[in-house]
Amino acid sequence: MNVLSWVFFGIIIGIIVNVLDDGAGERSFLGASLLGIIGAVLGGFFANLVFGFGVRGFDITAFLLAVSGSFLILTLGKVVRAK
C-alpha cells in the first residue's frame, strides 16, 4: 500500500471517530484526520507488539485497530486535560 492510501484511510477513521465521540464539537477536520492517522499507526503498532501481527491491508481488522487506537488517544488526551 502506498502512503497516500493509508493517509486516506486514517482520514476516514478520524471522521468516524469524530462522529462517535461525545466531545467532537471542539475538533476540526484537520484534527479529526490527524487523530485517525495517528490512531491507525498506534493501533497497528500495538497489534504487532501484543499479538505479533501487523496490518497488511484494508480490512475489518485494520479498521477496528485504527478505531481502537484513535479512541485510546482520545482517552489519554481527556485524562491529561482533566488533571
Protein backbone atom coordinates (compact mmCIF):
# COMPACT_ATOMS: atom_id res chain seq x y z
CA MET A 1 0.00 0.00 0.00
CA ASN A 2 1.23 3.44 -0.69
CA VAL A 3 1.33 6.19 1.89
CA LEU A 4 -1.49 8.22 0.35
CA SER A 5 -3.95 5.37 0.66
CA TRP A 6 -3.06 4.94 4.34
CA VAL A 7 -3.49 8.67 4.92
CA PHE A 8 -6.89 8.50 3.24
CA PHE A 9 -7.78 5.51 5.45
CA GLY A 10 -6.71 7.49 8.52
CA ILE A 11 -8.86 10.44 7.47
CA ILE A 12 -11.90 8.19 7.15
CA ILE A 13 -11.20 6.67 10.58
CA GLY A 14 -10.79 10.15 12.07
CA ILE A 15 -14.15 11.25 10.68
CA ILE A 16 -15.84 8.12 12.04
CA VAL A 17 -14.28 8.54 15.48
CA ASN A 18 -15.18 12.24 15.41
CA VAL A 19 -18.83 11.31 14.86
CA LEU A 20 -18.78 8.65 17.61
CA ASP A 21 -17.04 10.82 20.22
CA ASP A 22 -19.10 12.96 22.58
CA GLY A 23 -16.68 15.89 22.68
CA ALA A 24 -16.24 16.10 18.92
CA GLY A 25 -17.54 19.66 18.65
CA GLU A 26 -14.14 21.06 19.54
CA ARG A 27 -12.20 19.16 16.85
CA SER A 28 -11.66 20.44 13.31
CA PHE A 29 -11.48 18.35 10.15
CA LEU A 30 -7.69 18.50 10.27
CA GLY A 31 -7.69 17.45 13.93
CA ALA A 32 -10.01 14.54 13.21
CA SER A 33 -7.85 13.50 10.26
CA LEU A 34 -4.66 13.57 12.32
CA LEU A 35 -6.39 11.67 15.08
CA GLY A 36 -7.37 8.93 12.64
CA ILE A 37 -3.93 8.70 11.06
CA ILE A 38 -2.11 8.56 14.40
CA GLY A 39 -4.73 6.16 15.77
CA ALA A 40 -4.21 3.83 12.82
CA VAL A 41 -0.47 3.83 13.37
CA LEU A 42 -0.85 3.31 17.12
CA GLY A 43 -3.40 0.51 16.69
CA GLY A 44 -1.16 -1.28 14.20
CA PHE A 45 1.86 -0.87 16.47
CA PHE A 46 0.05 -2.36 19.48
CA ALA A 47 -1.36 -5.23 17.42
CA ASN A 48 2.14 -6.08 16.27
CA LEU A 49 3.52 -5.73 19.80
CA VAL A 50 0.82 -7.71 21.62
CA PHE A 51 -0.46 -10.20 19.05
CA GLY A 52 2.55 -10.48 16.77
CA PHE A 53 0.82 -9.50 13.53
CA GLY A 54 0.75 -6.27 11.64
CA VAL A 55 -1.80 -4.61 9.45
CA ARG A 56 -1.25 -5.64 5.83
CA GLY A 57 -4.23 -4.13 4.06
CA PHE A 58 -7.62 -2.52 4.38
CA ASP A 59 -9.91 -4.99 6.10
CA ILE A 60 -12.11 -5.19 9.18
CA THR A 61 -9.10 -5.91 11.42
CA ALA A 62 -7.29 -2.79 10.24
CA PHE A 63 -10.48 -0.76 10.69
CA LEU A 64 -11.03 -1.99 14.26
CA LEU A 65 -7.39 -1.47 15.20
CA ALA A 66 -7.42 2.07 13.83
CA VAL A 67 -10.64 2.97 15.64
CA SER A 68 -9.31 1.43 18.87
CA GLY A 69 -6.04 3.34 18.56
CA SER A 70 -7.92 6.58 17.95
CA PHE A 71 -10.13 6.07 20.98
CA LEU A 72 -7.04 5.26 23.05
CA ILE A 73 -5.52 8.59 22.02
CA LEU A 74 -8.78 10.40 22.84
CA THR A 75 -8.97 8.75 26.26
CA LEU A 76 -5.37 9.60 27.10
CA GLY A 77 -5.96 13.19 25.98
CA LYS A 78 -9.02 13.51 28.20
CA VAL A 79 -7.15 12.09 31.19
CA VAL A 80 -4.27 14.52 30.69
CA ARG A 81 -6.60 17.52 30.26
CA ALA A 82 -8.56 16.56 33.38
CA LYS A 83 -5.51 16.93 35.62
